[in-house]
Protein backbone atom coordinates (compact mmCIF):
# COMPACT_ATOMS: atom_id res chain seq x y z
CA MET A 1 315.85 65.56 158.26
CA VAL A 2 312.74 67.88 157.88
CA VAL A 3 310.29 66.99 155.01
CA ILE A 4 308.14 69.87 153.77
CA VAL A 5 305.03 68.11 152.36
CA ASP A 6 304.58 68.90 148.76
CA TYR A 7 300.86 68.88 147.93
CA ARG A 8 301.10 71.28 145.04
CA MET A 9 300.04 74.39 147.12
CA GLY A 10 302.18 77.54 147.18
CA ASN A 11 305.85 78.23 147.15
CA LEU A 12 307.44 75.80 149.51
CA GLY A 13 311.10 76.68 148.50
CA SER A 14 311.20 79.72 150.74
CA ILE A 15 310.80 77.38 153.74
CA LYS A 16 313.44 75.07 152.52
CA ASN A 17 315.85 78.03 151.98
CA MET A 18 315.22 79.39 155.46
CA LEU A 19 315.88 75.94 156.98
CA GLN A 20 319.07 75.52 155.02
CA ARG A 21 320.23 78.94 156.29
CA ILE A 22 320.20 77.55 159.80
CA GLY A 23 321.89 74.49 158.79
CA VAL A 24 318.85 72.12 158.72
CA GLU A 25 318.66 69.31 156.14
CA ALA A 26 315.29 69.79 154.40
CA ILE A 27 313.56 68.33 151.31
CA ILE A 28 310.20 69.05 149.61
CA SER A 29 308.47 65.77 148.79
CA SER A 30 305.13 63.99 148.35
CA ASP A 31 306.70 60.61 148.61
CA VAL A 32 305.26 58.51 151.35
CA LYS A 33 308.74 56.91 151.91
CA ALA A 34 310.14 60.33 152.57
CA LEU A 35 307.47 61.02 155.27
CA GLU A 36 308.52 57.71 156.87
CA ASP A 37 312.09 58.74 156.92
CA ALA A 38 311.57 62.31 158.23
CA ASP A 39 312.39 63.38 161.61
CA LYS A 40 309.85 66.23 161.46
CA LEU A 41 307.21 67.43 159.03
CA ILE A 42 306.02 70.94 157.85
CA LEU A 43 302.64 71.39 156.18
CA SER A 44 302.55 74.75 154.68
CA GLY A 45 300.87 76.20 151.51
CA VAL A 46 298.93 79.08 150.13
CA GLY A 47 295.57 78.65 148.28
CA SER A 48 292.05 77.42 148.81
CA PHE A 49 290.98 75.02 151.52
CA ASP A 50 289.14 72.58 149.29
CA GLU A 51 291.88 72.49 146.74
CA GLY A 52 294.34 71.71 149.50
CA MET A 53 292.30 68.82 150.84
CA LYS A 54 291.65 67.43 147.28
CA ASN A 55 295.38 67.47 146.51
CA LEU A 56 296.32 65.73 149.84
CA ARG A 57 293.82 63.05 148.92
CA ALA A 58 294.81 62.70 145.32
CA LEU A 59 298.52 62.33 146.34
CA HIS A 60 297.62 59.75 148.95
CA LEU A 61 299.10 61.81 151.68
CA ILE A 62 296.18 61.85 154.17
CA GLU A 63 296.72 58.33 155.32
CA ALA A 64 300.43 58.69 155.22
CA LEU A 65 300.36 61.83 157.36
CA GLU A 66 297.84 60.24 159.87
CA THR A 67 300.28 57.37 160.24
CA GLN A 68 303.34 59.41 160.88
CA VAL A 69 301.65 62.09 163.03
CA LEU A 70 298.86 60.39 164.88
CA ARG A 71 300.28 56.85 165.20
CA ASN A 72 304.06 57.44 165.26
CA ARG A 73 303.72 60.78 167.02
CA LYS A 74 306.09 62.54 164.64
CA PRO A 75 306.23 66.29 165.19
CA ILE A 76 304.56 68.47 162.50
CA LEU A 77 304.27 72.20 162.02
CA GLY A 78 301.24 73.61 160.06
CA ILE A 79 301.76 76.99 158.52
CA CYS A 80 298.97 79.25 157.20
CA LEU A 81 296.81 77.02 154.90
CA GLY A 82 298.51 74.11 156.61
CA LEU A 83 297.05 75.32 159.91
CA HIS A 84 293.59 75.46 158.35
CA LEU A 85 293.79 71.99 156.92
CA LEU A 86 294.54 70.55 160.46
CA THR A 87 291.12 71.75 161.68
CA LYS A 88 287.66 70.27 161.10
CA GLY A 89 286.82 72.61 158.30
CA SER A 90 286.62 76.09 156.84
CA GLU A 91 284.00 78.63 155.72
CA GLU A 92 286.23 78.85 152.70
CA GLY A 93 285.20 75.42 151.46
CA ARG A 94 282.92 72.44 151.78
CA LEU A 95 285.28 69.58 152.45
CA PRO A 96 286.16 68.41 155.90
CA GLY A 97 289.64 69.12 157.17
CA LEU A 98 291.99 66.55 158.76
CA GLY A 99 290.21 67.26 162.03
CA TRP A 100 293.41 66.86 164.19
CA ILE A 101 292.72 70.25 165.77
CA ASP A 102 289.25 70.68 167.31
CA ALA A 103 288.46 73.98 165.74
CA ASP A 104 287.06 75.56 162.58
CA VAL A 105 288.22 78.35 160.34
CA ALA A 106 286.24 81.73 159.55
CA ARG A 107 286.78 84.61 157.22
CA PHE A 108 287.66 87.90 158.83
CA SER A 109 284.37 89.85 159.50
CA PHE A 110 284.33 93.21 161.21
CA ASN A 111 280.61 93.65 161.39
CA GLY A 112 279.65 95.43 164.60
CA THR A 113 283.20 96.30 165.47
CA GLY A 114 283.03 99.86 163.92
CA GLN A 115 286.20 99.06 161.94
CA ASN A 116 286.68 98.74 158.22
CA LEU A 117 290.00 96.86 157.82
CA LYS A 118 291.26 95.41 154.61
CA VAL A 119 290.89 91.71 154.05
CA PRO A 120 293.25 89.93 153.44
CA HIS A 121 295.24 90.79 156.58
CA MET A 122 298.66 91.30 155.06
CA GLY A 123 302.02 92.52 156.66
CA TRP A 124 303.78 92.54 159.89
CA ASN A 125 301.94 92.10 163.13
CA GLN A 126 302.77 91.34 166.73
CA VAL A 127 302.15 87.84 168.22
CA GLU A 128 301.25 88.18 171.76
CA ILE A 129 302.89 85.10 173.34
CA ALA A 130 300.33 83.52 175.57
CA SER A 131 302.14 80.46 176.89
CA ASP A 132 305.62 79.60 177.86
CA HIS A 133 306.67 76.98 175.34
CA PRO A 134 309.86 75.79 173.71
CA LEU A 135 308.61 77.03 170.27
CA PHE A 136 308.90 80.58 171.49
CA CYS A 137 312.12 80.13 173.38
CA ASP A 138 314.46 83.26 173.10
CA LEU A 139 311.74 85.20 171.32
CA PRO A 140 310.73 88.63 172.82
CA LEU A 141 307.22 89.37 173.87
CA THR A 142 307.25 92.04 171.11
CA ALA A 143 308.10 89.46 168.36
CA ARG A 144 306.52 90.36 165.07
CA PHE A 145 305.70 88.02 162.14
CA TYR A 146 304.56 88.27 158.60
CA PHE A 147 300.89 87.52 157.96
CA ALA A 148 298.96 87.01 154.66
CA HIS A 149 295.49 85.55 155.09
CA SER A 150 291.75 86.18 154.83
CA TYR A 151 290.71 83.25 157.13
CA HIS A 152 291.57 82.44 160.74
CA VAL A 153 291.03 79.84 163.32
CA ARG A 154 288.06 80.26 165.55
CA HIS A 155 286.07 78.23 168.13
CA VAL A 156 289.21 76.49 169.37
CA ARG A 157 288.06 73.70 171.61
CA LEU A 158 291.32 72.64 173.17
CA LEU A 159 292.28 70.71 176.42
CA ASN A 160 293.34 73.79 178.26
CA GLY A 161 294.61 77.35 177.77
CA ARG A 162 298.19 76.08 177.41
CA ASN A 163 297.34 74.86 173.95
CA ILE A 164 297.07 78.50 172.77
CA LEU A 165 300.59 79.72 172.30
CA GLY A 166 299.87 83.13 170.68
CA LYS A 167 297.36 85.58 169.74
CA THR A 168 297.34 88.47 167.30
CA PHE A 169 294.95 91.49 167.06
CA TYR A 170 293.43 92.56 163.70
CA GLY A 171 290.08 94.20 164.45
CA TYR A 172 289.77 91.66 167.14
CA PRO A 173 292.15 89.02 168.69
CA PHE A 174 292.52 85.75 166.89
CA VAL A 175 294.59 82.65 167.56
CA SER A 176 297.87 82.86 165.70
CA ALA A 177 299.84 79.94 167.20
CA LEU A 178 298.69 76.70 169.02
CA VAL A 179 299.88 73.27 169.88
CA MET A 180 298.45 69.91 170.71
CA GLU A 181 301.01 67.33 171.88
CA ASN A 182 303.12 66.80 168.71
CA VAL A 183 301.14 68.95 166.44
CA ALA A 184 302.06 72.74 166.25
CA ALA A 185 300.41 75.22 163.88
CA VAL A 186 300.82 78.98 163.22
CA GLN A 187 298.88 81.49 161.12
CA PHE A 188 301.93 83.64 160.30
CA HIS A 189 304.76 82.84 157.84
CA PRO A 190 307.94 82.20 159.74
CA GLU A 191 309.79 81.72 156.36
CA LYS A 192 309.00 85.46 155.77
CA SER A 193 309.60 86.88 159.12
CA HIS A 194 313.39 87.35 159.07
CA GLN A 195 315.17 86.94 162.52
CA PHE A 196 312.02 86.14 164.43
CA GLY A 197 310.98 83.52 161.81
CA ILE A 198 314.51 82.08 161.89
CA ARG A 199 314.47 81.69 165.64
CA PHE A 200 310.91 80.08 165.60
CA LEU A 201 311.97 77.51 162.95
CA LYS A 202 315.11 76.74 164.79
CA ASN A 203 313.02 76.13 167.94
CA PHE A 204 310.82 73.80 166.09
CA VAL A 205 313.71 71.83 164.72
CA GLU A 206 315.73 71.76 167.93
CA LYS A 207 313.15 71.92 170.81
CA PHE A 208 309.75 70.63 169.57
């Protein structure tokens, strides 16, 4: 069973619906017992960084997630804001993140690039697959995913290049998919990415 962590941020129903389309049992829950019973976890969400951290703390989910992910090594997928919350912090807020990924998050800035692109970055864009990993199994190198974000991961201080699974170009290249042991995270929205998103979520459930 996959548990989509409910911390009152964004529409999580679309992820549940996508998982059900591929025959995966999934529930949306903030119950600590549900996290204990889960085979895998998804931390998604849309909204502000600080509000996300406040909600996780208010719902007593930080300790529960740390127990399941860091101690019990349960696989987790962070999506969009979920990815940001896994880092040390974001320019969007003042609170520290969970700190599981040694990186921080910055707003798109095109100063000095000669480009005047819109922020947020919204719409379809290509993910350049940078590492051979089960999460991208059976996905073409030209796979496109749906993005909707104003902030992105930067200063990724990972163990080696294999931790960076994908990059995307929007004015400049940024990390759009990464993994550290049992923690995976993506900037794009697989639940809105049609056949490519279906394959990605299927890989997460079956191969990660």
